[in-house]
All heavy atoms as atom14 arrays in JSON, in Angstrom:
{
  "sequence": "VLPEAELPASIMDLANPEWEGRIGIAAGGPDFQAIVSAVLALRGE",
  "atom14_mask": [
    [1, 1, 1, 1, 1, 1, 1, 0, 0, 0, 0, 0, 0, 0],
    [1, 1, 1, 1, 1, 1, 1, 1, 0, 0, 0, 0, 0, 0],
    [1, 1, 1, 1, 1, 1, 1, 0, 0, 0, 0, 0, 0, 0],
    [1, 1, 1, 1, 1, 1, 1, 1, 1, 0, 0, 0, 0, 0],
    [1, 1, 1, 1, 1, 0, 0, 0, 0, 0, 0, 0, 0, 0],
    [1, 1, 1, 1, 1, 1, 1, 1, 1, 0, 0, 0, 0, 0],
    [1, 1, 1, 1, 1, 1, 1, 1, 0, 0, 0, 0, 0, 0],
    [1, 1, 1, 1, 1, 1, 1, 0, 0, 0, 0, 0, 0, 0],
    [1, 1, 1, 1, 1, 0, 0, 0, 0, 0, 0, 0, 0, 0],
    [1, 1, 1, 1, 1, 1, 0, 0, 0, 0, 0, 0, 0, 0],
    [1, 1, 1, 1, 1, 1, 1, 1, 0, 0, 0, 0, 0, 0],
    [1, 1, 1, 1, 1, 1, 1, 1, 0, 0, 0, 0, 0, 0],
    [1, 1, 1, 1, 1, 1, 1, 1, 0, 0, 0, 0, 0, 0],
    [1, 1, 1, 1, 1, 1, 1, 1, 0, 0, 0, 0, 0, 0],
    [1, 1, 1, 1, 1, 0, 0, 0, 0, 0, 0, 0, 0, 0],
    [1, 1, 1, 1, 1, 1, 1, 1, 0, 0, 0, 0, 0, 0],
    [1, 1, 1, 1, 1, 1, 1, 0, 0, 0, 0, 0, 0, 0],
    [1, 1, 1, 1, 1, 1, 1, 1, 1, 0, 0, 0, 0, 0],
    [1, 1, 1, 1, 1, 1, 1, 1, 1, 1, 1, 1, 1, 1],
    [1, 1, 1, 1, 1, 1, 1, 1, 1, 0, 0, 0, 0, 0],
    [1, 1, 1, 1, 0, 0, 0, 0, 0, 0, 0, 0, 0, 0],
    [1, 1, 1, 1, 1, 1, 1, 1, 1, 1, 1, 0, 0, 0],
    [1, 1, 1, 1, 1, 1, 1, 1, 0, 0, 0, 0, 0, 0],
    [1, 1, 1, 1, 0, 0, 0, 0, 0, 0, 0, 0, 0, 0],
    [1, 1, 1, 1, 1, 1, 1, 1, 0, 0, 0, 0, 0, 0],
    [1, 1, 1, 1, 1, 0, 0, 0, 0, 0, 0, 0, 0, 0],
    [1, 1, 1, 1, 1, 0, 0, 0, 0, 0, 0, 0, 0, 0],
    [1, 1, 1, 1, 0, 0, 0, 0, 0, 0, 0, 0, 0, 0],
    [1, 1, 1, 1, 0, 0, 0, 0, 0, 0, 0, 0, 0, 0],
    [1, 1, 1, 1, 1, 1, 1, 0, 0, 0, 0, 0, 0, 0],
    [1, 1, 1, 1, 1, 1, 1, 1, 0, 0, 0, 0, 0, 0],
    [1, 1, 1, 1, 1, 1, 1, 1, 1, 1, 1, 0, 0, 0],
    [1, 1, 1, 1, 1, 1, 1, 1, 1, 0, 0, 0, 0, 0],
    [1, 1, 1, 1, 1, 0, 0, 0, 0, 0, 0, 0, 0, 0],
    [1, 1, 1, 1, 1, 1, 1, 1, 0, 0, 0, 0, 0, 0],
    [1, 1, 1, 1, 1, 1, 1, 0, 0, 0, 0, 0, 0, 0],
    [1, 1, 1, 1, 1, 1, 0, 0, 0, 0, 0, 0, 0, 0],
    [1, 1, 1, 1, 1, 0, 0, 0, 0, 0, 0, 0, 0, 0],
    [1, 1, 1, 1, 1, 1, 1, 0, 0, 0, 0, 0, 0, 0],
    [1, 1, 1, 1, 1, 1, 1, 1, 0, 0, 0, 0, 0, 0],
    [1, 1, 1, 1, 1, 0, 0, 0, 0, 0, 0, 0, 0, 0],
    [1, 1, 1, 1, 1, 1, 1, 1, 0, 0, 0, 0, 0, 0],
    [1, 1, 1, 1, 1, 1, 1, 1, 1, 1, 1, 0, 0, 0],
    [1, 1, 1, 1, 0, 0, 0, 0, 0, 0, 0, 0, 0, 0],
    [1, 1, 1, 1, 1, 1, 1, 1, 1, 0, 0, 0, 0, 0]
  ],
  "atom14_positions": [
    [[0.84, -1.19, -0.03], [0.05, -0.01, 0.05], [0.85, 1.33, -0.06], [0.57, 2.23, -0.72], [-0.93, 0.04, 1.23], [-1.78, 1.34, 1.28], [-1.84, -1.23, 1.21], [0.0, 0.0, 0.0], [0.0, 0.0, 0.0], [0.0, 0.0, 0.0], [0.0, 0.0, 0.0], [0.0, 0.0, 0.0], [0.0, 0.0, 0.0], [0.0, 0.0, 0.0]],
    [[1.94, 1.23, 0.85], [2.91, 2.37, 0.95], [4.35, 1.89, 0.65], [4.9, 1.21, 1.35], [2.78, 2.82, 2.26], [3.62, 4.1, 2.68], [3.31, 5.37, 1.87], [3.67, 4.44, 4.19], [0.0, 0.0, 0.0], [0.0, 0.0, 0.0], [0.0, 0.0, 0.0], [0.0, 0.0, 0.0], [0.0, 0.0, 0.0], [0.0, 0.0, 0.0]],
    [[4.73, 2.16, -0.66], [6.03, 1.68, -0.95], [7.18, 2.38, -0.09], [6.99, 3.43, 0.43], [6.26, 2.18, -2.42], [4.81, 2.4, -2.89], [4.0, 2.82, -1.77], [0.0, 0.0, 0.0], [0.0, 0.0, 0.0], [0.0, 0.0, 0.0], [0.0, 0.0, 0.0], [0.0, 0.0, 0.0], [0.0, 0.0, 0.0], [0.0, 0.0, 0.0]],
    [[8.27, 1.68, 0.14], [9.3, 2.18, 0.92], [9.86, 3.52, 0.61], [10.18, 4.26, 1.41], [10.48, 1.2, 1.02], [10.12, -0.05, 1.82], [11.34, -0.95, 1.96], [12.44, -0.43, 1.97], [11.21, -2.26, 1.97], [0.0, 0.0, 0.0], [0.0, 0.0, 0.0], [0.0, 0.0, 0.0], [0.0, 0.0, 0.0], [0.0, 0.0, 0.0]],
    [[9.8, 3.77, -0.81], [10.27, 5.05, -1.27], [9.47, 6.2, -0.81], [9.9, 7.39, -0.88], [10.42, 5.04, -2.78], [0.0, 0.0, 0.0], [0.0, 0.0, 0.0], [0.0, 0.0, 0.0], [0.0, 0.0, 0.0], [0.0, 0.0, 0.0], [0.0, 0.0, 0.0], [0.0, 0.0, 0.0], [0.0, 0.0, 0.0], [0.0, 0.0, 0.0]],
    [[8.25, 5.87, -0.46], [7.3, 6.92, -0.06], [7.09, 7.06, 1.53], [6.27, 7.9, 1.94], [5.86, 6.77, -0.75], [5.97, 6.73, -2.18], [4.65, 6.42, -2.83], [3.58, 6.41, -2.01], [4.5, 6.13, -4.05], [0.0, 0.0, 0.0], [0.0, 0.0, 0.0], [0.0, 0.0, 0.0], [0.0, 0.0, 0.0], [0.0, 0.0, 0.0]],
    [[7.91, 6.43, 2.32], [7.79, 6.48, 3.74], [8.32, 7.87, 4.18], [9.29, 8.54, 3.61], [8.69, 5.45, 4.34], [8.16, 4.05, 4.18], [9.24, 3.12, 4.67], [6.99, 3.8, 5.14], [0.0, 0.0, 0.0], [0.0, 0.0, 0.0], [0.0, 0.0, 0.0], [0.0, 0.0, 0.0], [0.0, 0.0, 0.0], [0.0, 0.0, 0.0]],
    [[7.68, 8.34, 5.2], [8.07, 9.79, 5.71], [9.43, 9.78, 6.3], [9.85, 8.81, 6.96], [6.96, 10.06, 6.69], [6.52, 8.74, 7.21], [6.55, 7.88, 6.04], [0.0, 0.0, 0.0], [0.0, 0.0, 0.0], [0.0, 0.0, 0.0], [0.0, 0.0, 0.0], [0.0, 0.0, 0.0], [0.0, 0.0, 0.0], [0.0, 0.0, 0.0]],
    [[10.18, 10.83, 6.09], [11.44, 10.87, 6.82], [11.42, 11.19, 8.22], [12.29, 10.82, 9.03], [12.26, 12.04, 6.06], [0.0, 0.0, 0.0], [0.0, 0.0, 0.0], [0.0, 0.0, 0.0], [0.0, 0.0, 0.0], [0.0, 0.0, 0.0], [0.0, 0.0, 0.0], [0.0, 0.0, 0.0], [0.0, 0.0, 0.0], [0.0, 0.0, 0.0]],
    [[10.35, 11.85, 8.68], [10.18, 12.16, 10.03], [8.79, 11.9, 10.55], [7.86, 12.07, 9.69], [10.52, 13.67, 10.37], [10.13, 14.04, 11.62], [0.0, 0.0, 0.0], [0.0, 0.0, 0.0], [0.0, 0.0, 0.0], [0.0, 0.0, 0.0], [0.0, 0.0, 0.0], [0.0, 0.0, 0.0], [0.0, 0.0, 0.0], [0.0, 0.0, 0.0]],
    [[8.49, 11.61, 11.8], [7.18, 11.52, 12.35], [6.47, 12.78, 12.21], [5.2, 12.81, 12.13], [7.16, 10.97, 13.86], [5.79, 10.49, 14.2], [7.65, 12.02, 14.78], [5.86, 9.66, 15.59], [0.0, 0.0, 0.0], [0.0, 0.0, 0.0], [0.0, 0.0, 0.0], [0.0, 0.0, 0.0], [0.0, 0.0, 0.0], [0.0, 0.0, 0.0]],
    [[7.07, 13.89, 12.24], [6.56, 15.25, 12.14], [5.81, 15.42, 10.7], [4.96, 16.15, 10.67], [7.68, 16.34, 12.44], [8.38, 16.19, 13.66], [7.29, 16.19, 15.09], [6.82, 17.85, 15.25], [0.0, 0.0, 0.0], [0.0, 0.0, 0.0], [0.0, 0.0, 0.0], [0.0, 0.0, 0.0], [0.0, 0.0, 0.0], [0.0, 0.0, 0.0]],
    [[6.36, 14.66, 9.67], [5.71, 14.84, 8.42], [4.26, 14.34, 8.29], [3.5, 14.71, 7.47], [6.64, 13.96, 7.38], [8.0, 14.56, 7.2], [8.21, 15.71, 7.54], [8.79, 13.76, 6.67], [0.0, 0.0, 0.0], [0.0, 0.0, 0.0], [0.0, 0.0, 0.0], [0.0, 0.0, 0.0], [0.0, 0.0, 0.0], [0.0, 0.0, 0.0]],
    [[3.95, 13.52, 9.28], [2.53, 12.93, 9.34], [1.47, 13.98, 9.49], [0.31, 13.78, 9.24], [2.32, 11.9, 10.36], [3.33, 10.66, 10.14], [3.09, 9.64, 11.31], [3.05, 9.92, 8.82], [0.0, 0.0, 0.0], [0.0, 0.0, 0.0], [0.0, 0.0, 0.0], [0.0, 0.0, 0.0], [0.0, 0.0, 0.0], [0.0, 0.0, 0.0]],
    [[1.94, 15.13, 9.88], [0.9, 16.36, 10.03], [0.65, 17.14, 8.63], [-0.14, 17.94, 8.6], [1.39, 17.34, 11.11], [0.0, 0.0, 0.0], [0.0, 0.0, 0.0], [0.0, 0.0, 0.0], [0.0, 0.0, 0.0], [0.0, 0.0, 0.0], [0.0, 0.0, 0.0], [0.0, 0.0, 0.0], [0.0, 0.0, 0.0], [0.0, 0.0, 0.0]],
    [[1.45, 16.73, 7.67], [1.52, 17.54, 6.36], [0.15, 17.17, 5.66], [-0.35, 15.95, 5.81], [2.63, 17.15, 5.49], [3.94, 17.67, 6.11], [3.94, 18.54, 7.03], [4.99, 17.12, 5.63], [0.0, 0.0, 0.0], [0.0, 0.0, 0.0], [0.0, 0.0, 0.0], [0.0, 0.0, 0.0], [0.0, 0.0, 0.0], [0.0, 0.0, 0.0]],
    [[-0.32, 18.11, 4.81], [-1.72, 17.9, 4.24], [-1.66, 16.49, 3.35], [-2.81, 15.88, 3.17], [-1.88, 18.94, 3.32], [-0.98, 20.14, 4.01], [0.13, 19.37, 4.6], [0.0, 0.0, 0.0], [0.0, 0.0, 0.0], [0.0, 0.0, 0.0], [0.0, 0.0, 0.0], [0.0, 0.0, 0.0], [0.0, 0.0, 0.0], [0.0, 0.0, 0.0]],
    [[-0.68, 16.15, 2.71], [-0.68, 14.89, 1.9], [-0.98, 13.64, 2.68], [-1.19, 12.58, 2.06], [0.78, 14.81, 1.03], [1.94, 14.62, 1.94], [2.7, 15.85, 2.28], [2.04, 16.87, 2.39], [3.81, 15.78, 2.56], [0.0, 0.0, 0.0], [0.0, 0.0, 0.0], [0.0, 0.0, 0.0], [0.0, 0.0, 0.0], [0.0, 0.0, 0.0]],
    [[-0.97, 13.62, 4.01], [-1.24, 12.46, 4.69], [-2.68, 12.37, 5.25], [-3.03, 11.54, 5.96], [-0.23, 12.32, 5.9], [1.07, 11.88, 5.55], [2.22, 12.8, 5.27], [1.63, 10.63, 5.31], [3.27, 12.13, 4.75], [2.95, 10.73, 4.79], [1.03, 9.34, 5.31], [3.67, 9.61, 4.48], [1.71, 8.19, 4.95], [3.09, 8.38, 4.55]],
    [[-3.44, 13.36, 4.77], [-4.87, 13.35, 5.24], [-5.56, 12.08, 5.02], [-5.64, 11.55, 3.9], [-5.64, 14.56, 4.68], [-7.1, 14.66, 5.22], [-7.66, 15.96, 4.71], [-7.02, 16.74, 3.98], [-8.79, 16.12, 5.08], [0.0, 0.0, 0.0], [0.0, 0.0, 0.0], [0.0, 0.0, 0.0], [0.0, 0.0, 0.0], [0.0, 0.0, 0.0]],
    [[-6.14, 11.46, 6.01], [-6.9, 10.17, 5.85], [-6.06, 8.93, 5.68], [-6.64, 7.92, 5.4], [0.0, 0.0, 0.0], [0.0, 0.0, 0.0], [0.0, 0.0, 0.0], [0.0, 0.0, 0.0], [0.0, 0.0, 0.0], [0.0, 0.0, 0.0], [0.0, 0.0, 0.0], [0.0, 0.0, 0.0], [0.0, 0.0, 0.0], [0.0, 0.0, 0.0]],
    [[-4.79, 9.18, 5.83], [-3.89, 7.84, 5.51], [-3.25, 7.33, 6.64], [-2.54, 6.25, 6.47], [-2.82, 8.48, 4.45], [-3.36, 8.92, 3.14], [-2.29, 9.61, 2.36], [-1.23, 8.51, 2.01], [-0.01, 8.98, 1.45], [0.4, 10.23, 1.42], [0.88, 8.04, 1.21], [0.0, 0.0, 0.0], [0.0, 0.0, 0.0], [0.0, 0.0, 0.0]],
    [[-3.29, 7.81, 7.83], [-2.66, 7.32, 9.02], [-3.56, 6.93, 10.15], [-4.74, 7.49, 10.16], [-1.48, 8.25, 9.58], [-2.25, 9.72, 9.9], [-0.52, 8.55, 8.43], [-1.22, 10.59, 10.51], [0.0, 0.0, 0.0], [0.0, 0.0, 0.0], [0.0, 0.0, 0.0], [0.0, 0.0, 0.0], [0.0, 0.0, 0.0], [0.0, 0.0, 0.0]],
    [[-3.09, 6.25, 11.17], [-3.87, 5.85, 12.28], [-3.04, 6.01, 13.53], [-1.93, 5.79, 13.43], [0.0, 0.0, 0.0], [0.0, 0.0, 0.0], [0.0, 0.0, 0.0], [0.0, 0.0, 0.0], [0.0, 0.0, 0.0], [0.0, 0.0, 0.0], [0.0, 0.0, 0.0], [0.0, 0.0, 0.0], [0.0, 0.0, 0.0], [0.0, 0.0, 0.0]],
    [[-3.78, 6.4, 14.68], [-3.13, 6.64, 15.92], [-4.08, 6.11, 17.0], [-5.27, 6.1, 16.79], [-2.76, 8.01, 16.24], [-3.97, 8.93, 16.22], [-1.64, 8.39, 15.34], [-3.64, 10.4, 16.52], [0.0, 0.0, 0.0], [0.0, 0.0, 0.0], [0.0, 0.0, 0.0], [0.0, 0.0, 0.0], [0.0, 0.0, 0.0], [0.0, 0.0, 0.0]],
    [[-3.55, 5.54, 18.15], [-4.39, 5.31, 19.33], [-4.33, 6.58, 20.27], [-3.68, 6.34, 21.27], [-4.03, 3.98, 19.95], [0.0, 0.0, 0.0], [0.0, 0.0, 0.0], [0.0, 0.0, 0.0], [0.0, 0.0, 0.0], [0.0, 0.0, 0.0], [0.0, 0.0, 0.0], [0.0, 0.0, 0.0], [0.0, 0.0, 0.0], [0.0, 0.0, 0.0]],
    [[-4.93, 7.5, 19.98], [-4.84, 8.77, 20.66], [-5.14, 8.75, 22.08], [-4.52, 9.49, 22.88], [-5.64, 9.8, 19.9], [0.0, 0.0, 0.0], [0.0, 0.0, 0.0], [0.0, 0.0, 0.0], [0.0, 0.0, 0.0], [0.0, 0.0, 0.0], [0.0, 0.0, 0.0], [0.0, 0.0, 0.0], [0.0, 0.0, 0.0], [0.0, 0.0, 0.0]],
    [[-6.08, 7.93, 22.51], [-6.45, 7.84, 23.94], [-5.64, 7.04, 24.78], [-5.68, 6.98, 26.01], [0.0, 0.0, 0.0], [0.0, 0.0, 0.0], [0.0, 0.0, 0.0], [0.0, 0.0, 0.0], [0.0, 0.0, 0.0], [0.0, 0.0, 0.0], [0.0, 0.0, 0.0], [0.0, 0.0, 0.0], [0.0, 0.0, 0.0], [0.0, 0.0, 0.0]],
    [[-4.6, 6.39, 24.26], [-3.77, 5.37, 25.01], [-2.45, 6.02, 25.59], [-1.98, 7.1, 25.08], [0.0, 0.0, 0.0], [0.0, 0.0, 0.0], [0.0, 0.0, 0.0], [0.0, 0.0, 0.0], [0.0, 0.0, 0.0], [0.0, 0.0, 0.0], [0.0, 0.0, 0.0], [0.0, 0.0, 0.0], [0.0, 0.0, 0.0], [0.0, 0.0, 0.0]],
    [[-1.99, 5.55, 26.61], [-0.69, 6.03, 27.32], [0.39, 6.04, 26.29], [1.37, 6.85, 26.5], [-0.54, 5.25, 28.59], [-1.36, 3.99, 28.29], [-2.5, 4.46, 27.42], [0.0, 0.0, 0.0], [0.0, 0.0, 0.0], [0.0, 0.0, 0.0], [0.0, 0.0, 0.0], [0.0, 0.0, 0.0], [0.0, 0.0, 0.0], [0.0, 0.0, 0.0]],
    [[0.49, 5.01, 25.42], [1.6, 4.85, 24.53], [1.82, 6.06, 23.73], [2.76, 6.75, 23.51], [1.45, 3.63, 23.75], [1.6, 2.35, 24.42], [1.91, 2.43, 25.7], [1.42, 1.28, 24.02], [0.0, 0.0, 0.0], [0.0, 0.0, 0.0], [0.0, 0.0, 0.0], [0.0, 0.0, 0.0], [0.0, 0.0, 0.0], [0.0, 0.0, 0.0]],
    [[0.68, 6.36, 22.96], [0.76, 7.53, 22.04], [0.93, 8.83, 22.8], [1.71, 9.63, 22.22], [-0.58, 7.69, 21.18], [-0.48, 8.75, 20.12], [0.33, 8.65, 19.03], [-1.21, 9.93, 20.42], [0.3, 9.67, 18.07], [-1.05, 10.99, 19.45], [-0.33, 10.8, 18.37], [0.0, 0.0, 0.0], [0.0, 0.0, 0.0], [0.0, 0.0, 0.0]],
    [[0.34, 8.99, 23.9], [0.59, 10.21, 24.71], [1.96, 10.36, 25.18], [2.47, 11.43, 25.23], [-0.49, 10.19, 25.82], [-1.91, 10.31, 25.35], [-2.89, 10.24, 26.4], [-2.68, 10.42, 27.61], [-4.1, 9.9, 25.95], [0.0, 0.0, 0.0], [0.0, 0.0, 0.0], [0.0, 0.0, 0.0], [0.0, 0.0, 0.0], [0.0, 0.0, 0.0]],
    [[2.61, 9.23, 25.47], [4.05, 9.39, 25.8], [4.82, 9.81, 24.61], [5.83, 10.53, 24.78], [4.58, 7.93, 26.29], [0.0, 0.0, 0.0], [0.0, 0.0, 0.0], [0.0, 0.0, 0.0], [0.0, 0.0, 0.0], [0.0, 0.0, 0.0], [0.0, 0.0, 0.0], [0.0, 0.0, 0.0], [0.0, 0.0, 0.0], [0.0, 0.0, 0.0]],
    [[4.43, 9.39, 23.42], [5.19, 9.7, 22.16], [5.01, 11.3, 22.0], [5.97, 12.03, 21.64], [4.7, 9.08, 20.89], [5.04, 7.49, 21.12], [5.26, 9.58, 19.73], [4.32, 6.53, 20.15], [0.0, 0.0, 0.0], [0.0, 0.0, 0.0], [0.0, 0.0, 0.0], [0.0, 0.0, 0.0], [0.0, 0.0, 0.0], [0.0, 0.0, 0.0]],
    [[3.76, 11.77, 22.28], [3.53, 13.15, 22.13], [4.28, 13.93, 23.14], [4.95, 15.04, 22.81], [2.03, 13.56, 22.34], [1.74, 15.01, 22.3], [1.16, 12.85, 21.22], [0.0, 0.0, 0.0], [0.0, 0.0, 0.0], [0.0, 0.0, 0.0], [0.0, 0.0, 0.0], [0.0, 0.0, 0.0], [0.0, 0.0, 0.0], [0.0, 0.0, 0.0]],
    [[4.62, 13.27, 24.38], [5.36, 14.05, 25.38], [6.71, 14.26, 24.92], [7.43, 15.2, 25.24], [5.23, 13.34, 26.67], [5.94, 12.09, 26.63], [0.0, 0.0, 0.0], [0.0, 0.0, 0.0], [0.0, 0.0, 0.0], [0.0, 0.0, 0.0], [0.0, 0.0, 0.0], [0.0, 0.0, 0.0], [0.0, 0.0, 0.0], [0.0, 0.0, 0.0]],
    [[7.31, 13.28, 24.07], [8.61, 13.44, 23.64], [8.73, 14.44, 22.61], [9.78, 15.18, 22.45], [9.04, 11.97, 23.09], [0.0, 0.0, 0.0], [0.0, 0.0, 0.0], [0.0, 0.0, 0.0], [0.0, 0.0, 0.0], [0.0, 0.0, 0.0], [0.0, 0.0, 0.0], [0.0, 0.0, 0.0], [0.0, 0.0, 0.0], [0.0, 0.0, 0.0]],
    [[7.69, 14.51, 21.65], [7.64, 15.63, 20.73], [7.71, 16.94, 21.41], [8.44, 17.91, 21.04], [6.38, 15.43, 19.79], [6.36, 16.67, 18.82], [6.48, 14.12, 18.98], [0.0, 0.0, 0.0], [0.0, 0.0, 0.0], [0.0, 0.0, 0.0], [0.0, 0.0, 0.0], [0.0, 0.0, 0.0], [0.0, 0.0, 0.0], [0.0, 0.0, 0.0]],
    [[6.89, 17.11, 22.52], [6.85, 18.31, 23.29], [8.23, 18.67, 23.82], [8.65, 19.83, 23.8], [5.8, 18.08, 24.36], [5.67, 19.35, 25.24], [5.23, 20.71, 24.39], [4.65, 19.05, 26.33], [0.0, 0.0, 0.0], [0.0, 0.0, 0.0], [0.0, 0.0, 0.0], [0.0, 0.0, 0.0], [0.0, 0.0, 0.0], [0.0, 0.0, 0.0]],
    [[8.95, 17.71, 24.37], [10.18, 17.85, 25.05], [11.22, 18.32, 23.98], [12.1, 19.08, 24.24], [10.63, 16.67, 25.81], [0.0, 0.0, 0.0], [0.0, 0.0, 0.0], [0.0, 0.0, 0.0], [0.0, 0.0, 0.0], [0.0, 0.0, 0.0], [0.0, 0.0, 0.0], [0.0, 0.0, 0.0], [0.0, 0.0, 0.0], [0.0, 0.0, 0.0]],
    [[11.16, 17.6, 22.8], [12.25, 17.86, 21.82], [12.0, 19.07, 20.89], [12.81, 19.74, 20.39], [12.27, 16.58, 20.82], [12.82, 15.43, 21.52], [12.46, 14.07, 20.73], [14.31, 15.56, 21.69], [0.0, 0.0, 0.0], [0.0, 0.0, 0.0], [0.0, 0.0, 0.0], [0.0, 0.0, 0.0], [0.0, 0.0, 0.0], [0.0, 0.0, 0.0]],
    [[10.66, 19.41, 20.62], [10.27, 20.47, 19.56], [9.67, 21.65, 20.21], [9.47, 22.55, 19.44], [9.49, 19.78, 18.55], [10.19, 18.69, 17.62], [11.38, 19.25, 16.99], [12.17, 18.18, 16.23], [11.91, 17.85, 14.97], [10.94, 18.32, 14.32], [12.76, 16.83, 14.51], [0.0, 0.0, 0.0], [0.0, 0.0, 0.0], [0.0, 0.0, 0.0]],
    [[9.2, 21.55, 21.43], [8.52, 22.7, 22.08], [7.1, 22.79, 21.81], [6.48, 21.96, 21.03], [0.0, 0.0, 0.0], [0.0, 0.0, 0.0], [0.0, 0.0, 0.0], [0.0, 0.0, 0.0], [0.0, 0.0, 0.0], [0.0, 0.0, 0.0], [0.0, 0.0, 0.0], [0.0, 0.0, 0.0], [0.0, 0.0, 0.0], [0.0, 0.0, 0.0]],
    [[6.4, 23.7, 22.46], [4.91, 23.68, 22.55], [4.35, 24.09, 21.23], [3.34, 23.51, 20.74], [4.52, 24.55, 23.65], [2.99, 24.44, 23.89], [2.58, 25.09, 25.22], [3.25, 24.74, 26.23], [1.57, 25.84, 25.22], [0.0, 0.0, 0.0], [0.0, 0.0, 0.0], [0.0, 0.0, 0.0], [0.0, 0.0, 0.0], [0.0, 0.0, 0.0]]
  ]
}
């Protein structure tokens, strides 16, 4: 479905318009929220 050549270079790219409707997250779970906390620590608010 998604060829390796089209994989995003960064997790931050998943917010770009071309990914609309193409990705999935478990937003309510502690795992995803921990990942968000790392983004916050690394990239700022």
